[in-house]
Amino acid sequence: MISYRAFTKCFGACRAVEALSLDVTRGEVVALLGPNGSGKTTTLKAAAGLIFPSAGAVWLGDPPRLAVEPEARRVLSYLPQKVSFPDALTGAEVVEFYRELRGAPVDRSQQVLRFASLNDAGERMVGTYSGGMVQRLGLAVAMLPEAPVFLLDEPTAALDPDGLCAFYGLIEHARADGRAVLFSSHQLGDAERLADRFAILVGGHLVACLSATELKDRLAERGVMRVRLVSRPEQLSAAVRALAPAATWAGEELVVPGPAAIRPRVLDTIRALGIEVRGLTAEEGRLDVLYRELVAEAEARSGVREVAS
């Protein structure tokens, strides 16, 4: 449904995206993550047909069409990072304009206004809307054509709680209908909640593409258990490190990094040695920490390449 094949985009001497290959299949939601300037918006604009590749290609739909062809735009709905509408029009008038433009059924306008929690504000002028309401109006417009491909650039950036609920509903509805969704976000919690896969861009390069299962496994590896004990005998350290080589002491606390599966065995070892446990805490790995690790690793590799060249 969305297919990047060695997609490269240069703006003068700047390579915004380089040799990106990525597929988003029917009924799949992929989150595009990365720091500012990593190429996320360029990647989405290429799929929307708004910029031409310097090399490679982007294909949309089934059967696939080149994204730069006008016919490809019939199969997509695109929400840019910043949306704006004429202040003097009402929300309902904005939606009706785009409904006629996309050839959606007449009753679709009220459906999307209601879905975006704007039905009570539809007759108000856009100039009276808050930033969150304008963003919700953008979501309503994006929902109009029920296109098989959704491209959403930072869709939650200015959303209020009602807008977030509408956005979550939009994504679940799109997945259930078998659409392909590619969205960018700095809100890692939204990505973790909604995405089936996570594509991470750094400096225009795809540095990781993790499925939800792979992400779960990676986060599990980064979990930590902390056990506060009355003593720290040498035989305990050796026994625990046989199970978790990275285990270490922090004062009276035994710090055991690693997946949750090893924790019962560590506690059994402590009990077998007759050591009293004064306290225990455990935390799982976090997406924001893993994300920063991947970004740092990619930036370090890039620095090495630049020095070598």
C-alpha atoms as a PDB file:
ATOM      1  CA  MET A   1       0.000   0.000   0.000  1.00  0.00           C
ATOM      2  CA  ILE A   2       2.920   2.374   0.763  1.00  0.00           C
ATOM      3  CA  SER A   3       6.310   1.391  -0.606  1.00  0.00           C
ATOM      4  CA  TYR A   4       9.552   3.382  -0.498  1.00  0.00           C
ATOM      5  CA  ARG A   5      12.290   1.975  -2.721  1.00  0.00           C
ATOM      6  CA  ALA A   6      15.747   3.500  -2.156  1.00  0.00           C
ATOM      7  CA  PHE A   7      14.016   6.864  -1.808  1.00  0.00           C
ATOM      8  CA  THR A   8      16.500   9.732  -1.688  1.00  0.00           C
ATOM      9  CA  LYS A   9      15.756  13.442  -1.542  1.00  0.00           C
ATOM     10  CA  CYS A  10      18.355  16.190  -1.806  1.00  0.00           C
ATOM     11  CA  PHE A  11      17.838  19.901  -1.324  1.00  0.00           C
ATOM     12  CA  GLY A  12      20.955  21.317  -2.896  1.00  0.00           C
ATOM     13  CA  ALA A  13      23.924  19.837  -1.060  1.00  0.00           C
ATOM     14  CA  CYS A  14      21.696  18.604   1.807  1.00  0.00           C
ATOM     15  CA  ARG A  15      20.543  14.989   1.693  1.00  0.00           C
ATOM     16  CA  ALA A  16      17.304  15.090   3.681  1.00  0.00           C
ATOM     17  CA  VAL A  17      16.603  11.364   3.182  1.00  0.00           C
ATOM     18  CA  GLU A  18      18.960   8.775   1.758  1.00  0.00           C
ATOM     19  CA  ALA A  19      18.181   5.346   0.276  1.00  0.00           C
ATOM     20  CA  LEU A  20      15.066   4.749   2.366  1.00  0.00           C
ATOM     21  CA  SER A  21      13.304   1.436   1.746  1.00  0.00           C
ATOM     22  CA  LEU A  22      10.161   0.820   3.785  1.00  0.00           C
ATOM     23  CA  ASP A  23       6.793  -0.879   3.246  1.00  0.00           C
ATOM     24  CA  VAL A  24       3.492  -0.273   5.016  1.00  0.00           C
ATOM     25  CA  THR A  25       0.990  -3.013   4.256  1.00  0.00           C
ATOM     26  CA  ARG A  26      -2.789  -3.151   4.324  1.00  0.00           C
ATOM     27  CA  GLY A  27      -4.184  -2.844   7.872  1.00  0.00           C
ATOM     28  CA  GLU A  28      -0.793  -1.825   9.293  1.00  0.00           C
ATOM     29  CA  VAL A  29       0.085   1.256  11.341  1.00  0.00           C
ATOM     30  CA  VAL A  30       3.707   2.400  11.227  1.00  0.00           C
ATOM     31  CA  ALA A  31       5.101   5.193  13.398  1.00  0.00           C
ATOM     32  CA  LEU A  32       7.899   7.270  11.906  1.00  0.00           C
ATOM     33  CA  LEU A  33      10.168   8.450  14.724  1.00  0.00           C
ATOM     34  CA  GLY A  34      13.273  10.602  14.805  1.00  0.00           C
ATOM     35  CA  PRO A  35      14.754  13.852  16.101  1.00  0.00           C
ATOM     36  CA  ASN A  36      14.053  17.195  14.417  1.00  0.00           C
ATOM     37  CA  GLY A  37      15.654  17.353  10.987  1.00  0.00           C
ATOM     38  CA  SER A  38      15.795  13.583  10.567  1.00  0.00           C
ATOM     39  CA  GLY A  39      13.691  13.557   7.382  1.00  0.00           C
ATOM     40  CA  LYS A  40      10.265  12.543   8.682  1.00  0.00           C
ATOM     41  CA  THR A  41       8.285  15.338   6.995  1.00  0.00           C
ATOM     42  CA  THR A  42      10.227  14.913   3.732  1.00  0.00           C
ATOM     43  CA  THR A  43       9.415  11.205   3.799  1.00  0.00           C
ATOM     44  CA  LEU A  44       5.695  11.860   4.259  1.00  0.00           C
ATOM     45  CA  LYS A  45       5.578  14.633   1.654  1.00  0.00           C
ATOM     46  CA  ALA A  46       7.147  12.296  -0.892  1.00  0.00           C
ATOM     47  CA  ALA A  47       4.369   9.760  -0.356  1.00  0.00           C
ATOM     48  CA  ALA A  48       1.809  12.563  -0.640  1.00  0.00           C
ATOM     49  CA  GLY A  49       3.244  13.476  -4.045  1.00  0.00           C
ATOM     50  CA  LEU A  50       4.272  16.944  -2.877  1.00  0.00           C
ATOM     51  CA  ILE A  51       7.983  16.486  -3.609  1.00  0.00           C
ATOM     52  CA  PHE A  52       9.796  14.521  -6.298  1.00  0.00           C
ATOM     53  CA  PRO A  53      12.488  12.002  -5.361  1.00  0.00           C
ATOM     54  CA  SER A  54      16.082  12.824  -6.273  1.00  0.00           C
ATOM     55  CA  ALA A  55      16.543   9.064  -6.641  1.00  0.00           C
ATOM     56  CA  GLY A  56      14.453   5.977  -5.994  1.00  0.00           C
ATOM     57  CA  ALA A  57      10.654   5.973  -5.904  1.00  0.00           C
ATOM     58  CA  VAL A  58       7.568   5.903  -3.700  1.00  0.00           C
ATOM     59  CA  TRP A  59       4.550   3.768  -4.656  1.00  0.00           C
ATOM     60  CA  LEU A  60       1.005   3.912  -3.306  1.00  0.00           C
ATOM     61  CA  GLY A  61      -2.094   1.753  -3.423  1.00  0.00           C
ATOM     62  CA  ASP A  62      -3.008  -1.611  -4.887  1.00  0.00           C
ATOM     63  CA  PRO A  63      -2.264  -1.821  -7.775  1.00  0.00           C
ATOM     64  CA  PRO A  64       0.718   0.402  -7.005  1.00  0.00           C
ATOM     65  CA  ARG A  65       1.043   3.845  -8.577  1.00  0.00           C
ATOM     66  CA  LEU A  66       3.957   6.239  -8.370  1.00  0.00           C
ATOM     67  CA  ALA A  67       3.178   8.792  -5.657  1.00  0.00           C
ATOM     68  CA  VAL A  68       4.105  11.667  -7.985  1.00  0.00           C
ATOM     69  CA  GLU A  69       1.318  10.708 -10.414  1.00  0.00           C
ATOM     70  CA  PRO A  70      -1.947  12.651  -9.923  1.00  0.00           C
ATOM     71  CA  GLU A  71      -3.962   9.422  -9.975  1.00  0.00           C
ATOM     72  CA  ALA A  72      -2.146   8.228  -6.834  1.00  0.00           C
ATOM     73  CA  ARG A  73      -3.686  11.050  -4.812  1.00  0.00           C
ATOM     74  CA  ARG A  74      -7.097   9.449  -5.116  1.00  0.00           C
ATOM     75  CA  VAL A  75      -5.970   6.657  -2.776  1.00  0.00           C
ATOM     76  CA  LEU A  76      -4.488   8.811  -0.009  1.00  0.00           C
ATOM     77  CA  SER A  77      -5.472  11.231   2.706  1.00  0.00           C
ATOM     78  CA  TYR A  78      -2.733  13.533   3.997  1.00  0.00           C
ATOM     79  CA  LEU A  79      -2.664  15.620   7.170  1.00  0.00           C
ATOM     80  CA  PRO A  80       0.261  18.090   7.199  1.00  0.00           C
ATOM     81  CA  GLN A  81       2.115  19.069  10.352  1.00  0.00           C
ATOM     82  CA  LYS A  82       0.552  22.529  10.395  1.00  0.00           C
ATOM     83  CA  VAL A  83      -3.038  22.947   9.261  1.00  0.00           C
ATOM     84  CA  SER A  84      -4.803  26.231   8.598  1.00  0.00           C
ATOM     85  CA  PHE A  85      -8.213  27.148   7.267  1.00  0.00           C
ATOM     86  CA  PRO A  86      -9.912  30.490   6.451  1.00  0.00           C
ATOM     87  CA  ASP A  87     -10.950  32.192   9.690  1.00  0.00           C
ATOM     88  CA  ALA A  88     -14.183  33.514   8.181  1.00  0.00           C
ATOM     89  CA  LEU A  89     -15.528  30.045   7.327  1.00  0.00           C
ATOM     90  CA  THR A  90     -17.311  27.804   9.803  1.00  0.00           C
ATOM     91  CA  GLY A  91     -15.978  24.361  10.579  1.00  0.00           C
ATOM     92  CA  ALA A  92     -18.921  22.836   8.731  1.00  0.00           C
ATOM     93  CA  GLU A  93     -18.213  24.963   5.649  1.00  0.00           C
ATOM     94  CA  VAL A  94     -14.567  23.898   5.617  1.00  0.00           C
ATOM     95  CA  VAL A  95     -15.529  20.229   5.830  1.00  0.00           C
ATOM     96  CA  GLU A  96     -18.205  20.626   3.161  1.00  0.00           C
ATOM     97  CA  PHE A  97     -15.714  22.274   0.784  1.00  0.00           C
ATOM     98  CA  TYR A  98     -13.283  19.382   1.105  1.00  0.00           C
ATOM     99  CA  ARG A  99     -16.103  16.821   0.945  1.00  0.00           C
ATOM    100  CA  GLU A 100     -17.131  18.118  -2.488  1.00  0.00           C
ATOM    101  CA  LEU A 101     -13.480  18.310  -3.549  1.00  0.00           C
ATOM    102  CA  ARG A 102     -12.914  14.638  -2.672  1.00  0.00           C
ATOM    103  CA  GLY A 103     -16.296  13.458  -3.881  1.00  0.00           C
ATOM    104  CA  ALA A 104     -17.354  11.965  -0.526  1.00  0.00           C
ATOM    105  CA  PRO A 105     -21.040  11.173   0.198  1.00  0.00           C
ATOM    106  CA  VAL A 106     -23.222  14.052   1.448  1.00  0.00           C
ATOM    107  CA  ASP A 107     -23.729  12.545   4.904  1.00  0.00           C
ATOM    108  CA  ARG A 108     -19.970  12.203   5.402  1.00  0.00           C
ATOM    109  CA  SER A 109     -19.565  15.802   6.632  1.00  0.00           C
ATOM    110  CA  GLN A 110     -21.638  15.316   9.767  1.00  0.00           C
ATOM    111  CA  GLN A 111     -20.049  11.937  10.410  1.00  0.00           C
ATOM    112  CA  VAL A 112     -16.503  13.311  10.491  1.00  0.00           C
ATOM    113  CA  LEU A 113     -17.462  16.404  12.502  1.00  0.00           C
ATOM    114  CA  ARG A 114     -19.075  14.152  15.081  1.00  0.00           C
ATOM    115  CA  PHE A 115     -16.145  11.732  15.059  1.00  0.00           C
ATOM    116  CA  ALA A 116     -13.691  14.606  15.625  1.00  0.00           C
ATOM    117  CA  SER A 117     -15.848  15.938  18.498  1.00  0.00           C
ATOM    118  CA  LEU A 118     -16.648  19.118  16.549  1.00  0.00           C
ATOM    119  CA  ASN A 119     -20.346  18.624  15.889  1.00  0.00           C
ATOM    120  CA  ASP A 120     -21.255  21.268  18.512  1.00  0.00           C
ATOM    121  CA  ALA A 121     -18.726  23.731  17.054  1.00  0.00           C
ATOM    122  CA  GLY A 122     -19.446  23.113  13.382  1.00  0.00           C
ATOM    123  CA  GLU A 123     -21.405  26.343  12.969  1.00  0.00           C
ATOM    124  CA  ARG A 124     -18.745  28.505  14.610  1.00  0.00           C
ATOM    125  CA  MET A 125     -16.181  30.402  12.535  1.00  0.00           C
ATOM    126  CA  VAL A 126     -12.731  28.856  12.444  1.00  0.00           C
ATOM    127  CA  GLY A 127     -11.300  32.146  13.735  1.00  0.00           C
ATOM    128  CA  THR A 128     -12.901  31.394  17.112  1.00  0.00           C
ATOM    129  CA  TYR A 129     -11.324  27.925  17.369  1.00  0.00           C
ATOM    130  CA  SER A 130      -8.505  27.022  19.738  1.00  0.00           C
ATOM    131  CA  GLY A 131      -5.348  25.415  18.365  1.00  0.00           C
ATOM    132  CA  GLY A 132      -6.582  21.985  19.443  1.00  0.00           C
ATOM    133  CA  MET A 133      -9.926  22.527  17.673  1.00  0.00           C
ATOM    134  CA  VAL A 134      -8.171  23.547  14.441  1.00  0.00           C
ATOM    135  CA  GLN A 135      -6.108  20.363  14.622  1.00  0.00           C
ATOM    136  CA  ARG A 136      -9.295  18.348  15.166  1.00  0.00           C
ATOM    137  CA  LEU A 137     -10.807  20.062  12.122  1.00  0.00           C
ATOM    138  CA  GLY A 138      -7.762  18.891  10.180  1.00  0.00           C
ATOM    139  CA  LEU A 139      -8.444  15.340  11.360  1.00  0.00           C
ATOM    140  CA  ALA A 140     -12.064  15.659  10.242  1.00  0.00           C
ATOM    141  CA  VAL A 141     -10.933  16.754   6.767  1.00  0.00           C
ATOM    142  CA  ALA A 142      -8.414  13.902   6.601  1.00  0.00           C
ATOM    143  CA  MET A 143     -11.149  11.402   7.451  1.00  0.00           C
ATOM    144  CA  LEU A 144     -13.512  12.535   4.680  1.00  0.00           C
ATOM    145  CA  PRO A 145     -12.524  10.342   1.706  1.00  0.00           C
ATOM    146  CA  GLU A 146     -12.027   7.046   3.599  1.00  0.00           C
ATOM    147  CA  ALA A 147      -8.899   6.584   1.491  1.00  0.00           C
ATOM    148  CA  PRO A 148      -6.918   3.321   1.733  1.00  0.00           C
ATOM    149  CA  VAL A 149      -3.713   5.229   2.606  1.00  0.00           C
ATOM    150  CA  PHE A 150      -3.326   7.655   5.538  1.00  0.00           C
ATOM    151  CA  LEU A 151      -0.301   9.949   5.856  1.00  0.00           C
ATOM    152  CA  LEU A 152      -0.273  11.955   9.083  1.00  0.00           C
ATOM    153  CA  ASP A 153       2.536  14.383  10.007  1.00  0.00           C
ATOM    154  CA  GLU A 154       2.724  15.045  13.780  1.00  0.00           C
ATOM    155  CA  PRO A 155      -1.064  14.598  14.111  1.00  0.00           C
ATOM    156  CA  THR A 156      -1.080  14.836  17.939  1.00  0.00           C
ATOM    157  CA  ALA A 157       1.174  17.900  18.250  1.00  0.00           C
ATOM    158  CA  ALA A 158      -1.561  20.374  19.251  1.00  0.00           C
ATOM    159  CA  LEU A 159      -4.408  18.047  20.130  1.00  0.00           C
ATOM    160  CA  ASP A 160      -6.437  18.503  23.295  1.00  0.00           C
ATOM    161  CA  PRO A 161      -7.841  15.459  25.179  1.00  0.00           C
ATOM    162  CA  ASP A 162     -10.953  15.302  22.973  1.00  0.00           C
ATOM    163  CA  GLY A 163      -8.742  15.460  19.910  1.00  0.00           C
ATOM    164  CA  LEU A 164      -6.504  12.681  21.189  1.00  0.00           C
ATOM    165  CA  CYS A 165      -9.523  10.438  21.698  1.00  0.00           C
ATOM    166  CA  ALA A 166     -10.636  11.233  18.150  1.00  0.00           C
ATOM    167  CA  PHE A 167      -7.168  10.475  16.801  1.00  0.00           C
ATOM    168  CA  TYR A 168      -6.950   7.132  18.629  1.00  0.00           C
ATOM    169  CA  GLY A 169     -10.364   6.251  17.254  1.00  0.00           C
ATOM    170  CA  LEU A 170      -9.315   7.267  13.742  1.00  0.00           C
ATOM    171  CA  ILE A 171      -6.256   4.996  13.825  1.00  0.00           C
ATOM    172  CA  GLU A 172      -8.158   2.001  15.210  1.00  0.00           C
ATOM    173  CA  HIS A 173     -10.916   2.549  12.643  1.00  0.00           C
ATOM    174  CA  ALA A 174      -8.346   2.749   9.825  1.00  0.00           C
ATOM    175  CA  ARG A 175      -6.600  -0.441  10.974  1.00  0.00           C
ATOM    176  CA  ALA A 176      -9.915  -2.322  11.220  1.00  0.00           C
ATOM    177  CA  ASP A 177     -10.820  -1.164   7.684  1.00  0.00           C
ATOM    178  CA  GLY A 178      -7.547  -2.499   6.306  1.00  0.00           C
ATOM    179  CA  ARG A 179      -5.940   0.843   5.500  1.00  0.00           C
ATOM    180  CA  ALA A 180      -2.237   1.563   5.537  1.00  0.00           C
ATOM    181  CA  VAL A 181      -1.264   4.285   8.034  1.00  0.00           C
ATOM    182  CA  LEU A 182       2.086   6.056   8.268  1.00  0.00           C
ATOM    183  CA  PHE A 183       2.363   8.778  10.892  1.00  0.00           C
ATOM    184  CA  SER A 184       5.199  10.764  12.425  1.00  0.00           C
ATOM    185  CA  SER A 185       5.274  11.731  16.075  1.00  0.00           C
ATOM    186  CA  HIS A 186       7.437  13.092  18.867  1.00  0.00           C
ATOM    187  CA  GLN A 187       4.919  11.676  21.356  1.00  0.00           C
ATOM    188  CA  LEU A 188       6.455   8.277  22.038  1.00  0.00           C
ATOM    189  CA  GLY A 189       3.522   7.210  24.201  1.00  0.00           C
ATOM    190  CA  ASP A 190       1.148   7.661  21.256  1.00  0.00           C
ATOM    191  CA  ALA A 191       3.462   5.685  18.996  1.00  0.00           C
ATOM    192  CA  GLU A 192       3.840   2.844  21.492  1.00  0.00           C
ATOM    193  CA  ARG A 193       0.072   2.673  21.995  1.00  0.00           C
ATOM    194  CA  LEU A 194      -0.938   2.699  18.333  1.00  0.00           C
ATOM    195  CA  ALA A 195       1.797   1.403  16.045  1.00  0.00           C
ATOM    196  CA  ASP A 196       2.415  -2.103  14.741  1.00  0.00           C
ATOM    197  CA  ARG A 197       5.947  -1.122  13.738  1.00  0.00           C
ATOM    198  CA  PHE A 198       8.380   1.668  14.563  1.00  0.00           C
ATOM    199  CA  ALA A 199      10.650   3.129  11.866  1.00  0.00           C
ATOM    200  CA  ILE A 200      13.397   5.351  13.294  1.00  0.00           C
ATOM    201  CA  LEU A 201      15.101   7.950  11.103  1.00  0.00           C
ATOM    202  CA  VAL A 202      18.328   9.708  12.064  1.00  0.00           C
ATOM    203  CA  GLY A 203      20.032  12.097   9.688  1.00  0.00           C
ATOM    204  CA  GLY A 204      17.887  10.892   6.802  1.00  0.00           C
ATOM    205  CA  HIS A 205      18.837   7.221   7.329  1.00  0.00           C
ATOM    206  CA  LEU A 206      16.545   4.446   8.525  1.00  0.00           C
ATOM    207  CA  VAL A 207      18.490   3.161  11.538  1.00  0.00           C
ATOM    208  CA  ALA A 208      15.921   0.703  12.921  1.00  0.00           C
ATOM    209  CA  CYS A 209      12.539  -0.754  12.046  1.00  0.00           C
ATOM    210  CA  LEU A 210      11.066  -2.733  14.912  1.00  0.00           C
ATOM    211  CA  SER A 211       7.837  -4.695  15.113  1.00  0.00           C
ATOM    212  CA  ALA A 212       5.738  -4.385  18.262  1.00  0.00           C
ATOM    213  CA  THR A 213       7.065  -7.805  19.361  1.00  0.00           C
ATOM    214  CA  GLU A 214      10.676  -6.825  18.708  1.00  0.00           C
ATOM    215  CA  LEU A 215      10.150  -3.598  20.611  1.00  0.00           C
ATOM    216  CA  LYS A 216       8.642  -5.485  23.530  1.00  0.00           C
ATOM    217  CA  ASP A 217      11.656  -7.833  23.604  1.00  0.00           C
ATOM    218  CA  ARG A 218      14.122  -4.943  23.439  1.00  0.00           C
ATOM    219  CA  LEU A 219      12.352  -3.125  26.264  1.00  0.00           C
ATOM    220  CA  ALA A 220      12.254  -6.313  28.344  1.00  0.00           C
ATOM    221  CA  GLU A 221      16.028  -6.593  28.040  1.00  0.00           C
ATOM    222  CA  ARG A 222      16.300  -3.085  29.484  1.00  0.00           C
ATOM    223  CA  GLY A 223      14.210  -3.786  32.588  1.00  0.00           C
ATOM    224  CA  VAL A 224      15.781  -3.422  36.037  1.00  0.00           C
ATOM    225  CA  MET A 225      15.057  -5.069  39.396  1.00  0.00           C
ATOM    226  CA  ARG A 226      16.425  -3.491  42.580  1.00  0.00           C
ATOM    227  CA  VAL A 227      16.595  -5.599  45.748  1.00  0.00           C
ATOM    228  CA  ARG A 228      17.547  -3.988  49.077  1.00  0.00           C
ATOM    229  CA  LEU A 229      19.232  -6.528  51.367  1.00  0.00           C
ATOM    230  CA  VAL A 230      20.526  -6.630  54.952  1.00  0.00           C
ATOM    231  CA  SER A 231      23.971  -7.806  53.757  1.00  0.00           C
ATOM    232  CA  ARG A 232      25.977  -8.303  50.567  1.00  0.00           C
ATOM    233  CA  PRO A 233      27.994 -11.541  50.816  1.00  0.00           C
ATOM    234  CA  GLU A 234      30.497 -12.380  48.087  1.00  0.00           C
ATOM    235  CA  GLN A 235      28.866 -15.729  47.313  1.00  0.00           C
ATOM    236  CA  LEU A 236      25.628 -13.926  46.449  1.00  0.00           C
ATOM    237  CA  SER A 237      27.337 -11.621  43.950  1.00  0.00           C
ATOM    238  CA  ALA A 238      28.907 -14.568  42.149  1.00  0.00           C
ATOM    239  CA  ALA A 239      25.657 -16.568  42.085  1.00  0.00           C
ATOM    240  CA  VAL A 240      23.584 -13.645  40.781  1.00  0.00           C
ATOM    241  CA  ARG A 241      26.112 -12.694  38.108  1.00  0.00           C
ATOM    242  CA  ALA A 242      25.943 -16.250  36.806  1.00  0.00           C
ATOM    243  CA  LEU A 243      22.292 -15.474  36.015  1.00  0.00           C
ATOM    244  CA  ALA A 244      22.643 -11.765  35.173  1.00  0.00           C
ATOM    245  CA  PRO A 245      26.250 -10.827  34.312  1.00  0.00           C
ATOM    246  CA  ALA A 246      25.488  -7.081  34.454  1.00  0.00           C
ATOM    247  CA  ALA A 247      24.220  -7.231  38.067  1.00  0.00           C
ATOM    248  CA  THR A 248      25.911  -4.754  40.384  1.00  0.00           C
ATOM    249  CA  TRP A 249      25.681  -3.229  43.839  1.00  0.00           C
ATOM    250  CA  ALA A 250      24.485   0.276  44.656  1.00  0.00           C
ATOM    251  CA  GLY A 251      24.942   0.595  48.402  1.00  0.00           C
ATOM    252  CA  GLU A 252      22.610  -1.918  50.016  1.00  0.00           C
ATOM    253  CA  GLU A 253      20.752  -2.489  46.751  1.00  0.00           C
ATOM    254  CA  LEU A 254      21.455  -5.303  44.343  1.00  0.00           C
ATOM    255  CA  VAL A 255      20.701  -3.924  40.867  1.00  0.00           C
ATOM    256  CA  VAL A 256      19.763  -6.621  38.344  1.00  0.00           C
ATOM    257  CA  PRO A 257      19.251  -5.442  34.743  1.00  0.00           C
ATOM    258  CA  GLY A 258      17.612  -7.741  32.234  1.00  0.00           C
ATOM    259  CA  PRO A 259      14.264  -9.307  31.328  1.00  0.00           C
ATOM    260  CA  ALA A 260      11.601 -10.096  33.901  1.00  0.00           C
ATOM    261  CA  ALA A 261      12.091 -13.853  33.325  1.00  0.00           C
ATOM    262  CA  ILE A 262      15.351 -13.936  35.298  1.00  0.00           C
ATOM    263  CA  ARG A 263      14.004 -12.140  38.366  1.00  0.00           C
ATOM    264  CA  PRO A 264      12.337 -15.134  40.093  1.00  0.00           C
ATOM    265  CA  ARG A 265      15.583 -17.098  39.759  1.00  0.00           C
ATOM    266  CA  VAL A 266      17.562 -14.253  41.321  1.00  0.00           C
ATOM    267  CA  LEU A 267      15.104 -14.056  44.231  1.00  0.00           C
ATOM    268  CA  ASP A 268      15.277 -17.838  44.685  1.00  0.00           C
ATOM    269  CA  THR A 269      19.064 -17.544  44.899  1.00  0.00           C
ATOM    270  CA  ILE A 270      18.780 -14.842  47.568  1.00  0.00           C
ATOM    271  CA  ARG A 271      16.316 -16.903  49.599  1.00  0.00           C
ATOM    272  CA  ALA A 272      18.469 -20.043  49.291  1.00  0.00           C
ATOM    273  CA  LEU A 273      21.339 -18.161  50.959  1.00  0.00           C
ATOM    274  CA  GLY A 274      19.046 -17.090  53.800  1.00  0.00           C
ATOM    275  CA  ILE A 275      19.495 -13.343  53.146  1.00  0.00           C
ATOM    276  CA  GLU A 276      16.737 -11.019  54.365  1.00  0.00           C
ATOM    277  CA  VAL A 277      15.091  -8.816  51.739  1.00  0.00           C
ATOM    278  CA  ARG A 278      14.227  -5.323  52.988  1.00  0.00           C
ATOM    279  CA  GLY A 279      12.734  -3.944  49.791  1.00  0.00           C
ATOM    280  CA  LEU A 280      12.166  -4.721  46.134  1.00  0.00           C
ATOM    281  CA  THR A 281      11.267  -2.610  43.096  1.00  0.00           C
ATOM    282  CA  ALA A 282      11.151  -3.449  39.395  1.00  0.00           C
ATOM    283  CA  GLU A 283      10.741  -1.303  36.328  1.00  0.00           C
ATOM    284  CA  GLU A 284      10.460  -2.210  32.664  1.00  0.00           C
ATOM    285  CA  GLY A 285      12.478  -0.673  29.853  1.00  0.00           C
ATOM    286  CA  ARG A 286      11.054   2.511  28.385  1.00  0.00           C
ATOM    287  CA  LEU A 287      10.637   3.424  24.740  1.00  0.00           C
ATOM    288  CA  ASP A 288      12.120   6.879  25.248  1.00  0.00           C
ATOM    289  CA  VAL A 289      15.323   5.374  26.648  1.00  0.00           C
ATOM    290  CA  LEU A 290      15.631   2.836  23.798  1.00  0.00           C
ATOM    291  CA  TYR A 291      14.894   5.590  21.291  1.00  0.00           C
ATOM    292  CA  ARG A 292      17.683   7.783  22.676  1.00  0.00           C
ATOM    293  CA  GLU A 293      20.090   4.819  22.563  1.00  0.00           C
ATOM    294  CA  LEU A 294      19.298   4.135  18.900  1.00  0.00           C
ATOM    295  CA  VAL A 295      19.651   7.809  17.990  1.00  0.00           C
ATOM    296  CA  ALA A 296      22.958   8.103  19.859  1.00  0.00           C
ATOM    297  CA  GLU A 297      24.332   4.943  18.213  1.00  0.00           C
ATOM    298  CA  ALA A 298      23.327   6.202  14.763  1.00  0.00           C
ATOM    299  CA  GLU A 299      24.831   9.638  15.361  1.00  0.00           C
ATOM    300  CA  ALA A 300      28.049   8.045  16.627  1.00  0.00           C
ATOM    301  CA  ARG A 301      28.291   5.847  13.493  1.00  0.00           C
ATOM    302  CA  SER A 302      27.669   8.916  11.341  1.00  0.00           C
ATOM    303  CA  GLY A 303      30.468  10.756  13.136  1.00  0.00           C
ATOM    304  CA  VAL A 304      32.835   7.853  12.505  1.00  0.00           C
ATOM    305  CA  ARG A 305      31.938   7.843   8.795  1.00  0.00           C
ATOM    306  CA  GLU A 306      32.531  11.598   8.521  1.00  0.00           C
ATOM    307  CA  VAL A 307      35.945  11.321  10.189  1.00  0.00           C
ATOM    308  CA  ALA A 308      36.884   8.384   7.945  1.00  0.00           C
ATOM    309  CA  SER A 309      35.898  10.272   4.814  1.00  0.00           C
END
